[in-house]
Protein backbone atom coordinates (compact mmCIF):
# COMPACT_ATOMS: atom_id res chain seq x y z
CA MET A 1 -0.30 0.08 -0.10
CA LYS A 2 1.17 3.67 0.29
CA THR A 3 -1.31 5.73 0.95
CA VAL A 4 -1.22 3.78 -2.84
CA ARG A 5 0.45 0.50 -0.81
CA SER A 6 3.79 -0.51 -2.05
CA ARG A 7 5.51 -2.40 -0.22
CA ALA A 8 7.52 -3.91 -3.18
CA ALA A 9 10.11 -0.98 -3.18
CA ILE A 10 10.32 -0.15 -0.12
CA LEU A 11 10.21 -3.64 2.32
CA ALA A 12 13.32 -5.30 1.80
CA SER A 13 14.48 -4.48 5.60
CA SER A 14 15.65 -7.25 7.91
CA LEU A 15 12.77 -8.44 10.22
CA LEU A 16 12.31 -9.07 14.17
CA LEU A 17 13.53 -12.17 15.09
CA ALA A 18 12.86 -12.23 18.90
CA VAL A 19 11.46 -16.02 19.76
CA VAL A 20 8.72 -16.35 22.37
CA THR A 21 6.74 -19.01 23.69
CA PRO A 22 3.90 -20.13 21.43
CA ALA A 23 0.93 -19.18 23.42
CA GLY A 24 -1.54 -22.30 24.11
CA GLU A 25 -4.19 -23.36 21.41
CA ALA A 26 -7.71 -21.96 22.20
CA THR A 27 -10.01 -24.14 22.59
CA ALA A 28 -13.67 -24.83 21.45
CA ALA A 29 -14.95 -24.20 25.42
CA THR A 30 -13.58 -20.77 25.11
CA LYS A 31 -14.39 -19.63 21.76
CA PRO A 32 -16.21 -16.11 21.84
CA THR A 33 -19.38 -15.39 19.79
CA PRO A 34 -20.30 -16.49 16.88
CA THR A 35 -20.89 -19.89 17.13
CA PRO A 36 -18.50 -21.77 14.93
CA LYS A 37 -19.55 -23.13 11.33
CA SER A 38 -19.66 -27.13 10.74
CA LYS A 39 -15.97 -28.27 9.16
CA ALA A 40 -18.94 -29.48 6.40
CA VAL A 41 -19.90 -26.02 5.81
CA ALA A 42 -16.01 -25.20 5.73
CA VAL A 43 -15.26 -27.26 2.94
CA LYS A 44 -19.05 -27.73 0.96
CA SER A 45 -18.09 -25.55 -2.32
CA GLY A 46 -14.82 -27.74 -2.49
CA MET A 47 -16.76 -30.69 -2.60
CA GLN A 48 -19.23 -29.54 -5.23
CA ALA A 49 -16.29 -28.12 -7.33
CA GLY A 50 -14.79 -31.36 -7.93
CA ALA A 51 -13.14 -32.51 -4.36
CA VAL A 52 -13.24 -36.09 -4.12
CA LYS A 53 -13.50 -38.56 -1.08
CA VAL A 54 -10.71 -40.66 0.12
CA GLN A 55 -11.20 -43.08 2.80
CA GLY A 56 -14.19 -41.13 4.54
CA SER A 57 -12.20 -38.02 4.00
CA VAL A 58 -12.23 -34.72 2.48
CA VAL A 59 -9.23 -34.16 -0.27
CA ALA A 60 -9.09 -31.10 -2.01
CA THR A 61 -8.62 -30.80 -5.72
CA LYS A 62 -6.35 -28.07 -7.91
CA ALA A 63 -10.05 -27.26 -9.41
CA SER A 64 -12.17 -27.47 -5.97
CA ARG A 65 -9.01 -25.28 -4.70
CA LEU A 66 -9.07 -22.70 -7.89
CA ASP A 67 -12.81 -22.55 -7.36
CA ALA A 68 -13.29 -21.87 -3.84
CA THR A 69 -10.24 -18.83 -4.24
CA LEU A 70 -12.16 -16.88 -7.31
CA SER A 71 -15.68 -16.84 -4.69
CA ALA A 72 -14.03 -16.76 -1.20
CA LYS A 73 -14.45 -13.46 0.86
CA THR A 74 -10.81 -12.78 1.83
CA ILE A 75 -10.26 -10.47 4.80
CA ASN A 76 -6.25 -9.79 4.56
CA TYR A 77 -4.74 -10.71 8.43
CA TYR A 78 -2.62 -9.13 10.72
CA PRO A 79 -3.46 -9.05 14.81
CA SER A 80 -4.03 -5.12 15.72
CA ASP A 81 -0.51 -5.50 18.34
CA ALA A 82 1.90 -7.72 16.04
CA GLY A 83 1.72 -6.44 12.43
CA TRP A 84 4.06 -8.91 9.64
CA SER A 85 6.53 -10.77 10.96
CA ALA A 86 5.61 -9.58 14.76
CA MET A 87 2.31 -11.95 14.24
CA TRP A 88 4.73 -15.00 14.52
CA THR A 89 7.31 -13.82 16.22
CA SER A 90 4.91 -12.81 18.72
CA PHE A 91 2.24 -15.31 18.29
CA ASP A 92 -0.96 -14.97 20.07
CA ALA A 93 -3.04 -17.82 20.04
CA ALA A 94 -5.80 -15.79 21.47
CA ARG A 95 -5.84 -12.96 20.19
CA ILE A 96 -5.98 -14.51 16.80
CA ASP A 97 -9.14 -16.56 18.12
CA ALA A 98 -10.88 -13.65 18.73
CA ASP A 99 -10.03 -12.07 15.56
CA MET A 100 -11.02 -14.99 13.92
CA ALA A 101 -14.69 -15.17 15.35
CA LYS A 102 -14.90 -11.34 13.96
CA ALA A 103 -13.94 -11.87 10.65
CA ALA A 104 -16.66 -14.78 10.38
CA ALA A 105 -19.51 -12.61 11.96
CA LEU A 106 -18.33 -9.86 8.72
CA GLY A 107 -19.46 -13.09 6.33
CA ALA A 108 -15.55 -13.91 5.61
CA ASP A 109 -14.93 -17.62 4.82
CA ASN A 110 -11.72 -17.40 3.76
CA VAL A 111 -8.14 -15.18 5.47
CA ARG A 112 -5.28 -14.59 3.50
CA VAL A 113 -2.05 -14.92 5.94
CA ILE A 114 2.14 -13.57 4.88
CA VAL A 115 4.56 -16.03 6.01
CA PHE A 116 7.94 -14.77 5.91
CA PRO A 117 11.14 -17.00 5.51
CA GLN A 118 13.47 -14.86 8.09
CA ALA A 119 10.75 -14.75 10.48
CA PHE A 120 10.11 -19.04 10.29
CA GLY A 121 14.12 -20.02 10.25
CA TYR A 122 15.26 -20.28 6.32
CA PRO A 123 16.32 -22.25 4.80
CA THR A 124 14.78 -25.04 7.28
CA PRO A 125 11.23 -24.08 8.86
CA LYS A 126 11.90 -24.22 12.82
CA ALA A 127 9.39 -26.20 13.92
CA GLU A 128 8.04 -23.78 16.78
CA TYR A 129 6.69 -21.80 14.02
CA THR A 130 5.45 -24.27 11.46
CA GLU A 131 3.60 -25.36 14.53
CA ARG A 132 2.66 -21.72 15.26
CA LEU A 133 1.52 -21.89 11.08
CA ARG A 134 -0.76 -25.23 12.32
CA LYS A 135 -2.71 -23.82 14.82
CA PHE A 136 -3.77 -20.30 13.01
CA VAL A 137 -5.31 -22.74 10.14
CA ASN A 138 -7.05 -24.77 13.15
CA ILE A 139 -8.17 -21.58 14.58
CA ALA A 140 -9.55 -20.24 11.16
CA ASP A 141 -11.16 -23.70 10.18
CA SER A 142 -13.54 -23.76 13.66
CA TYR A 143 -14.73 -20.36 12.57
CA GLY A 144 -15.44 -22.06 8.74
CA LEU A 145 -12.47 -19.94 7.63
CA THR A 146 -10.14 -21.59 4.43
CA VAL A 147 -6.67 -20.33 4.32
CA LYS A 148 -4.67 -18.53 1.47
CA PHE A 149 -1.04 -18.66 2.42
CA THR A 150 1.48 -15.85 1.07
CA LEU A 151 5.21 -16.74 0.63
CA PHE A 152 8.42 -14.19 0.40
CA ASP A 153 7.30 -11.31 1.53
CA TRP A 154 10.25 -8.85 2.47
CA TRP A 155 12.25 -10.88 0.23
CA ALA A 156 15.32 -10.76 -1.60
CA GLY A 157 17.03 -13.51 -1.60
CA TYR A 158 16.56 -14.44 -5.29
CA ASN A 159 20.22 -16.21 -5.43
CA ASP A 160 19.09 -18.87 -3.64
CA ALA A 161 16.61 -20.50 -5.51
CA THR A 162 17.84 -24.14 -4.54
CA GLY A 163 17.10 -23.06 -0.63
CA SER A 164 13.63 -21.14 -1.44
CA ALA A 165 12.44 -24.28 -3.12
CA ALA A 166 13.09 -26.55 -0.27
CA TRP A 167 11.95 -24.10 2.47
CA ALA A 168 8.71 -23.38 0.55
CA LYS A 169 7.98 -26.98 0.25
CA ALA A 170 8.83 -27.84 3.84
CA VAL A 171 6.21 -25.26 4.54
CA LEU A 172 3.43 -26.64 2.07
CA SER A 173 4.01 -29.73 1.64
CA PRO A 174 1.69 -30.20 5.30
CA TYR A 175 -1.56 -28.72 3.40
CA ALA A 176 -0.82 -30.27 0.21
CA ASN A 177 -4.39 -32.34 0.55
CA ASP A 178 -5.77 -30.18 3.05
CA PRO A 179 -8.72 -28.88 1.94
CA ARG A 180 -8.62 -25.98 4.60
CA VAL A 181 -5.60 -24.19 2.23
CA ILE A 182 -6.99 -23.24 -0.66
CA SER A 183 -4.01 -21.23 -2.53
CA VAL A 184 -0.73 -20.59 -2.18
CA GLU A 185 0.79 -17.07 -3.43
CA LEU A 186 4.72 -17.29 -4.03
CA LYS A 187 5.40 -13.85 -3.71
CA ASN A 188 4.00 -10.73 -2.61
CA GLU A 189 4.07 -7.75 -5.10
CA PHE A 190 6.70 -9.82 -7.17
CA ASN A 191 8.59 -7.46 -9.21
CA PRO A 192 8.92 -8.05 -12.77
CA ASN A 193 11.70 -5.90 -14.08
CA ASP A 194 13.51 -7.47 -11.96
CA PRO A 195 15.51 -10.45 -13.87
CA ALA A 196 16.82 -11.77 -10.92
CA ALA A 197 13.03 -12.18 -9.48
CA VAL A 198 12.31 -13.66 -12.62
CA ALA A 199 14.82 -16.31 -12.98
CA TRP A 200 14.36 -17.00 -9.29
CA VAL A 201 10.41 -17.77 -9.70
CA LYS A 202 10.91 -19.43 -12.60
CA ARG A 203 12.95 -22.20 -11.04
CA ILE A 204 10.47 -21.93 -7.36
CA ILE A 205 7.10 -22.48 -9.56
CA PRO A 206 7.51 -25.73 -10.91
CA ALA A 207 9.83 -26.88 -7.50
CA VAL A 208 6.58 -25.99 -6.03
CA ARG A 209 4.17 -27.84 -8.31
CA ALA A 210 6.05 -31.46 -7.64
CA ALA A 211 5.80 -30.63 -4.12
CA VAL A 212 2.18 -29.68 -3.63
CA PRO A 213 0.30 -30.80 -7.14
CA GLN A 214 -3.56 -29.73 -6.32
CA MET A 215 -2.32 -26.44 -5.19
CA PRO A 216 -3.75 -23.20 -7.10
CA LEU A 217 -0.34 -20.62 -7.17
CA THR A 218 -0.55 -17.28 -8.13
CA LEU A 219 1.69 -13.86 -7.90
CA SER A 220 0.39 -10.68 -6.82
CA VAL A 221 2.05 -6.85 -8.06
CA ASP A 222 1.82 -3.65 -5.98
CA GLY A 223 -1.09 -1.00 -6.25
CA GLN A 224 1.12 0.72 -8.43
CA SER A 225 2.04 -1.48 -11.28
CA GLY A 226 -1.15 -3.09 -11.96
CA ALA A 227 -2.37 -4.38 -15.32
CA PRO A 228 1.01 -3.64 -17.50
CA ALA A 229 2.70 -5.50 -14.65
CA MET A 230 0.44 -8.55 -14.67
CA ALA A 231 0.57 -8.67 -18.32
CA LYS A 232 4.63 -8.84 -18.43
CA ILE A 233 4.30 -11.86 -15.65
CA LYS A 234 1.84 -13.79 -17.83
CA SER A 235 4.29 -13.22 -20.66
CA LEU A 236 7.64 -14.04 -18.77
CA LEU A 237 5.92 -17.12 -17.05
CA SER A 238 4.52 -19.01 -20.42
CA ALA A 239 6.08 -21.90 -19.81
CA THR A 240 5.84 -22.15 -16.33
CA PRO A 241 1.80 -20.28 -16.07
CA LEU A 242 0.26 -19.56 -13.02
CA ASP A 243 -3.39 -20.62 -12.34
CA TYR A 244 -5.19 -17.20 -11.38
CA TYR A 245 -3.60 -13.44 -10.89
CA ASP A 246 -4.05 -11.72 -7.85
CA PHE A 247 -4.46 -7.74 -8.17
CA HIS A 248 -3.76 -5.35 -5.58
CA PHE A 249 -5.95 -2.00 -6.04
CA TYR A 250 -5.58 1.10 -4.42
CA GLY A 251 -6.02 3.45 -7.19
CA SER A 252 -9.20 5.29 -7.76
CA SER A 253 -12.10 3.79 -6.51
CA GLU A 254 -14.56 5.82 -9.10
CA ARG A 255 -12.69 4.54 -11.67
CA SER A 256 -12.13 0.96 -10.27
CA LEU A 257 -14.48 -1.13 -12.97
CA ALA A 258 -12.47 0.29 -15.26
CA GLU A 259 -8.95 -0.61 -13.20
CA ILE A 260 -10.49 -3.99 -12.91
CA ARG A 261 -10.95 -4.55 -16.63
CA LYS A 262 -7.45 -3.47 -17.66
CA ALA A 263 -6.46 -5.98 -14.92
CA GLN A 264 -8.66 -9.02 -16.27
CA SER A 265 -8.00 -7.85 -19.97
CA ALA A 266 -3.96 -7.80 -18.85
CA VAL A 267 -3.94 -11.77 -18.27
CA SER A 268 -6.83 -13.19 -20.12
CA PRO A 269 -8.16 -15.73 -19.97
CA SER A 270 -6.90 -16.47 -16.72
CA PRO A 271 -9.11 -15.45 -13.41
CA ILE A 272 -8.21 -12.50 -11.17
CA VAL A 273 -8.90 -11.83 -7.90
CA ILE A 274 -8.22 -8.40 -5.76
CA GLY A 275 -6.10 -9.48 -3.07
CA GLU A 276 -5.75 -6.18 -1.27
CA THR A 277 -7.81 -2.88 -1.40
CA GLY A 278 -8.56 -0.23 0.48
CA VAL A 279 -7.37 3.29 1.46
CA THR A 280 -6.27 4.60 4.73
CA THR A 281 -8.37 6.53 7.91
CA ALA A 282 -4.92 8.19 9.23
CA ALA A 283 -5.23 11.45 10.01
CA GLY A 284 -4.22 14.15 7.10
CA SER A 285 -4.58 10.95 4.46
CA GLY A 286 -8.56 9.55 4.83
CA SER A 287 -11.57 9.42 6.30
CA GLU A 288 -13.63 6.94 8.02
CA GLY A 289 -16.33 7.88 5.69
CA GLU A 290 -13.70 7.70 2.41
CA GLN A 291 -12.67 4.30 3.84
CA ALA A 292 -16.29 3.02 3.68
CA ALA A 293 -17.33 4.47 0.00
CA PHE A 294 -14.36 3.32 -1.18
CA LEU A 295 -14.92 -0.55 -0.61
CA ALA A 296 -18.29 -0.17 -1.42
CA ARG A 297 -17.62 1.06 -4.93
CA VAL A 298 -14.99 -1.66 -5.36
CA PHE A 299 -17.10 -4.36 -4.39
CA GLN A 300 -20.00 -3.00 -6.88
CA ALA A 301 -17.54 -2.41 -9.65
CA ALA A 302 -15.89 -6.14 -8.91
CA GLN A 303 -19.78 -7.58 -9.02
CA VAL A 304 -20.40 -5.68 -12.12
CA ALA A 305 -16.90 -7.08 -13.49
CA LYS A 306 -17.63 -10.69 -12.77
CA VAL A 307 -14.46 -11.01 -10.35
CA GLY A 308 -15.44 -13.20 -7.49
CA SER A 309 -13.59 -12.17 -5.07
CA VAL A 310 -12.76 -8.97 -3.10
CA ALA A 311 -9.80 -8.62 -0.07
CA PRO A 312 -9.93 -5.64 2.26
CA TRP A 313 -6.78 -4.62 3.34
CA THR A 314 -6.83 -5.39 6.64
CA LEU A 315 -9.04 -6.80 9.34
CA ASN A 316 -7.43 -4.22 11.53
CA ASP A 317 -5.62 -1.37 12.52
CA PHE A 318 -2.46 -1.37 13.78
CA SER A 319 -1.90 0.26 17.64
CA ASP A 320 1.56 2.20 17.92
CA GLY A 321 4.81 -0.49 17.88
CA ALA A 322 2.94 -3.18 16.37
CA ILE A 323 4.88 -3.21 13.15
CA PRO A 324 8.41 -4.12 13.58
CA SER A 325 10.06 -0.99 14.30
CA ASN A 326 13.34 -1.69 11.88
CA SER A 327 11.54 -1.95 8.49
CA GLN A 328 9.87 0.70 7.04
CA VAL A 329 6.65 -0.19 7.01
CA SER A 330 6.78 0.69 10.67
CA LYS A 331 7.58 4.83 9.69
CA LEU A 332 4.42 5.54 7.09
CA ALA A 333 1.38 6.25 9.91
CA ALA A 334 -1.09 5.46 6.41
CA GLN A 335 -0.08 2.27 7.72
CA TYR A 336 -1.34 1.93 10.88
CA ARG A 337 -4.94 2.45 9.56
CA PHE A 338 -6.46 0.81 6.62
CA GLY A 339 -8.21 -1.60 8.94
CA LEU A 340 -11.90 -2.05 9.33
CA TYR A 341 -11.71 -2.10 12.68
CA ARG A 342 -9.82 0.10 14.79
CA ALA A 343 -6.80 -0.89 17.29
CA ASP A 344 -9.14 -0.46 20.22
CA GLY A 345 -11.19 -3.06 18.40
CA THR A 346 -14.12 -1.12 17.41
CA ALA A 347 -15.92 -0.83 13.58
CA LYS A 348 -15.34 1.61 11.25
CA PRO A 349 -18.17 2.47 8.94
CA ALA A 350 -16.55 0.56 6.28
CA ALA A 351 -17.03 -2.96 8.36
CA ALA A 352 -20.69 -2.33 7.67
CA VAL A 353 -20.30 -2.08 3.99
CA VAL A 354 -17.52 -5.11 3.92
CA ARG A 355 -20.44 -7.37 5.80
CA THR A 356 -23.53 -6.06 3.82
CA ALA A 357 -21.27 -7.21 0.69
CA TRP A 358 -20.04 -10.69 2.00
CA THR A 359 -23.52 -11.33 3.25
CA GLY A 360 -26.11 -10.73 0.32
CA GLY A 361 -27.37 -7.48 0.85
CA LYS A 362 -27.06 -4.27 -1.63
CA LEU A 363 -24.43 -1.63 -1.61
CA THR A 364 -26.02 1.99 -1.85
CA ASN A 365 -25.67 5.15 -1.94
CA SER A 366 -26.38 5.58 1.21
CA VAL A 367 -22.71 5.42 2.69
CA LEU A 368 -21.73 8.84 0.86
CA ASP A 369 -23.37 11.24 3.49
CA LEU A 370 -25.98 12.91 1.39
CA GLY A 371 -27.47 14.32 3.72
CA PHE A 372 -24.84 15.59 4.84
CA GLU A 373 -25.20 14.26 8.70
CA ALA A 374 -21.67 12.59 9.16
CA ALA A 375 -19.33 14.07 11.88
CA ALA A 376 -16.91 16.81 10.90
CA GLY A 377 -14.13 15.10 9.04
CA ASN A 378 -15.46 11.52 8.66
CA SER A 379 -17.47 11.79 5.09
CA PRO A 380 -16.45 10.83 1.71
CA TRP A 381 -17.62 14.70 0.73
CA ARG A 382 -14.20 16.22 -0.88
CA PRO A 383 -13.19 20.12 -1.80
CA TYR A 384 -12.22 20.81 -5.34
CA LEU A 385 -10.78 24.46 -5.49
CA ALA A 386 -11.07 24.84 -1.48
CA GLU A 387 -8.62 27.90 -1.23
CA GLN A 388 -11.49 29.76 -3.53
CA GLY A 389 -13.84 28.77 -0.96
CA SER A 390 -14.93 25.80 1.13
CA ALA A 391 -17.52 24.16 2.35
CA VAL A 392 -18.66 24.26 5.87
CA ARG A 393 -20.79 21.46 7.34
CA VAL A 394 -23.76 23.50 9.90
CA ARG A 395 -26.21 22.12 11.92
CA ASP A 396 -28.26 25.37 12.52
CA VAL A 397 -29.46 25.34 8.77
CA ALA A 398 -31.15 21.74 6.88
CA HIS A 399 -33.95 20.94 4.75
CA THR A 400 -34.34 18.10 6.93
CA GLY A 401 -32.35 16.04 9.62
CA SER A 402 -30.25 18.55 11.62
CA GLY A 403 -27.36 19.11 8.85
CA SER A 404 -26.16 20.94 5.75
CA ALA A 405 -23.06 22.09 3.42
CA ARG A 406 -23.08 25.92 3.31
CA PHE A 407 -20.86 27.89 1.17
CA SER A 408 -19.60 32.04 1.85
CA GLY A 409 -17.52 34.39 -0.04
CA THR A 410 -16.36 32.29 -2.40
CA GLY A 411 -14.43 33.09 -5.23
CA ARG A 412 -13.14 31.37 -8.95
CA THR A 413 -10.55 30.24 -11.07
CA SER A 414 -9.78 29.23 -14.83
CA ALA A 415 -10.22 25.96 -13.23
CA GLY A 416 -13.98 26.47 -12.81
CA LEU A 417 -15.39 27.10 -9.14
CA PRO A 418 -15.01 25.79 -5.73
CA SER A 419 -17.04 22.57 -4.99
CA VAL A 420 -17.67 19.90 -2.82
CA ARG A 421 -17.64 16.37 -4.67
CA THR A 422 -18.65 12.84 -4.58
CA SER A 423 -19.05 10.10 -6.36
CA PRO A 424 -22.11 7.04 -6.64
CA VAL A 425 -21.31 3.87 -5.28
CA ASN A 426 -22.24 2.01 -8.69
CA PRO A 427 -19.89 2.14 -11.26
CA VAL A 428 -20.58 4.00 -14.68
CA LEU A 429 -20.69 2.62 -18.12
CA PRO A 430 -20.91 5.03 -21.46
CA GLY A 431 -24.87 5.31 -22.56
CA GLN A 432 -26.34 5.16 -18.74
CA LYS A 433 -29.00 7.80 -17.70
CA TRP A 434 -28.26 9.66 -14.67
CA HIS A 435 -30.00 11.43 -11.96
CA ALA A 436 -28.82 14.23 -9.65
CA GLU A 437 -30.99 16.47 -7.17
CA ALA A 438 -30.07 18.70 -4.25
CA TRP A 439 -32.41 21.49 -2.02
CA ALA A 440 -30.32 24.50 -2.12
CA LYS A 441 -31.17 27.90 -0.56
CA GLY A 442 -29.28 31.44 0.11
CA THR A 443 -29.14 34.38 1.57
CA GLY A 444 -27.16 37.39 -0.39
CA VAL A 445 -26.55 35.16 -3.00
CA THR A 446 -24.15 36.51 -5.88
CA GLY A 447 -22.27 34.71 -8.77
CA SER A 448 -22.72 31.22 -10.08
CA ASN A 449 -24.27 28.37 -7.54
CA GLU A 450 -25.45 24.97 -9.09
CA ILE A 451 -24.84 21.18 -9.19
CA ALA A 452 -23.44 19.75 -11.40
CA LEU A 453 -22.55 16.44 -12.91
CA SER A 454 -18.89 16.09 -14.28
CA TRP A 455 -17.73 12.95 -16.69
CA PHE A 456 -13.68 11.37 -16.79
CA ASP A 457 -12.33 8.73 -18.68
CA ALA A 458 -10.66 5.86 -17.84
CA ASN A 459 -7.75 7.65 -17.94
CA ASP A 460 -8.75 10.69 -15.70
CA LYS A 461 -9.28 12.59 -18.58
CA TRP A 462 -12.54 16.22 -18.31
CA LEU A 463 -14.80 14.74 -20.79
CA GLY A 464 -17.58 17.39 -19.81
CA GLN A 465 -20.19 18.60 -17.43
CA SER A 466 -24.32 18.90 -17.40
CA SER A 467 -25.29 21.28 -14.80
CA SER A 468 -28.53 22.19 -13.29
CA LYS A 469 -30.36 25.37 -13.13
CA GLN A 470 -29.15 28.49 -10.39
CA VAL A 471 -29.67 29.30 -7.29
CA ALA A 472 -31.91 32.70 -7.29
CA LYS A 473 -29.68 35.58 -6.58
CA GLY A 474 -30.56 37.38 -3.22
CA THR A 475 -32.18 35.60 -0.63
CA SER A 476 -34.41 32.50 -1.45
CA ASN A 477 -36.21 29.59 0.44
CA TRP A 478 -35.26 25.66 0.03
CA THR A 479 -35.36 25.32 -3.17
CA LYS A 480 -34.53 21.30 -5.56
CA LEU A 481 -31.86 21.73 -8.09
CA THR A 482 -31.82 18.95 -10.70
CA VAL A 483 -29.57 17.25 -13.07
CA ASP A 484 -30.31 14.84 -15.81
CA ALA A 485 -27.59 13.28 -18.03
CA THR A 486 -26.38 10.84 -20.13
CA ALA A 487 -23.09 9.26 -19.40
CA PRO A 488 -20.81 10.07 -22.66
CA ALA A 489 -18.67 7.73 -24.79
CA GLY A 490 -15.62 6.65 -23.06
CA ALA A 491 -17.10 7.59 -19.23
CA ALA A 492 -15.32 5.75 -16.69
CA SER A 493 -16.71 7.76 -13.88
CA VAL A 494 -19.24 10.45 -13.06
CA GLN A 495 -18.40 13.56 -10.13
CA LEU A 496 -21.67 14.98 -8.52
CA HIS A 497 -20.34 18.29 -7.90
CA LEU A 498 -22.38 20.71 -5.36
CA LYS A 499 -20.60 24.58 -6.87
CA SER A 500 -20.72 27.88 -5.20
CA GLY A 501 -17.94 30.80 -6.76
CA ASP A 502 -18.11 34.56 -6.88
CA ASN A 503 -20.67 34.23 -4.06
CA SER A 504 -20.55 37.35 -1.54
CA GLY A 505 -23.43 35.62 0.85
CA SER A 506 -24.06 32.26 1.47
CA VAL A 507 -25.52 29.02 0.02
CA TRP A 508 -26.59 25.99 1.74
CA PHE A 509 -26.89 22.49 0.24
CA ASP A 510 -28.82 19.52 1.40
CA ASP A 511 -30.65 16.00 0.98
CA VAL A 512 -28.57 15.14 -2.30
CA VAL A 513 -29.84 12.25 -4.21
CA LEU A 514 -27.23 10.07 -7.10
CA SER A 515 -28.64 7.86 -9.27
CA ASN A 516 -28.84 5.67 -12.39
């Protein structure tokens, strides 16, 4: 991640290698709610997709595992007090148990966990660490959660493919026929422009396939490299192909459908999952309202694109000191606040979005704070040309409810009028009909005050706008402003702007509607 999340460039630092005594494994009697799902539920999808029974035991096939991977409701996971390698060096089974219960309550059926060679011991994993991995899989399974493994994060040992293959085989072999483990990502955020990395992975893939032939394999790329890097990986690995591709998306959620389709096209006909996505809520970087809207847009875009698995990064925020201090990640404030839950365990609005998506509910524009009722600083509305006048959330004037957005004393530039803007949850397609409305009133109004739909293509090029009538000059009561427009050719996103420029008076906006 970054605020777009690029670990590939910054995570070559060494890891904490402290060893602690493993915490006791939680028992069924000590588990919190929800009631654990049965093991039959945990493997049901695999059985339907072609798993076979051998002497009464369910054995996963590659086809069944791949089907489960492509539809998995996956959560990315580290404990809030032990991020990255510290999850393993400070292993806390009770904390993990409580978090898996939380993930299951969201509707998750799968958890992605990252295994670090340096922490586990390399080239031979230490028995105490493979035991911690076994405990993790057992805990996840007790809540009906399958597991994805990601290997070789924080890794640059590409000169030792032999040792890497031996280490991967030792870690993975116990799960070769275990239906609770559904796929393996060989390297997190792989760089296809690194010749040493490419030579290494070309040797690792066949070695891992020999060790666990029924395990689907993938690679991911970082959030900036995107579709071009995925296409390059596919081309470079034509002799040792992957089973699917893992797209990490941290771009503009307004254009997420266009970006997802670029990723699909880059590796077609191979399938993709969205293995990481999210936005930070760190102060100065983003709000909890923005995070909720971001994830709602990505889930909706994935549904339109027929991508069946979207994995939020991450379940938890991280407390101070939770990320190993000798890593660059620990120095990035944004990295501590991507969670669906705050470090104190309380849920952010994004948790409700994910729960709705994973439990079959309908995601709507209700997450956009269209009535300006959210707390200040916690709304997905964003300013445009704020230096010419910014909207202030007020509680003394409202069309309905208790709040509205007020502009006073605004200017303008050649780039346009100052405004606040948001984008719908549903993705934009050319030719769609869109409707927007807002109630507005004014006191001493001058200049231009309106609402408008602004259209952009997949590369964020402005395509034009459609505007409402103006708020009446002088003083007026609440009046509905409306815009009806058709998305132009090439449109990939739309922004609704509430505008006020050259206004020496005040104008209020409230009760916005945005629909298609």
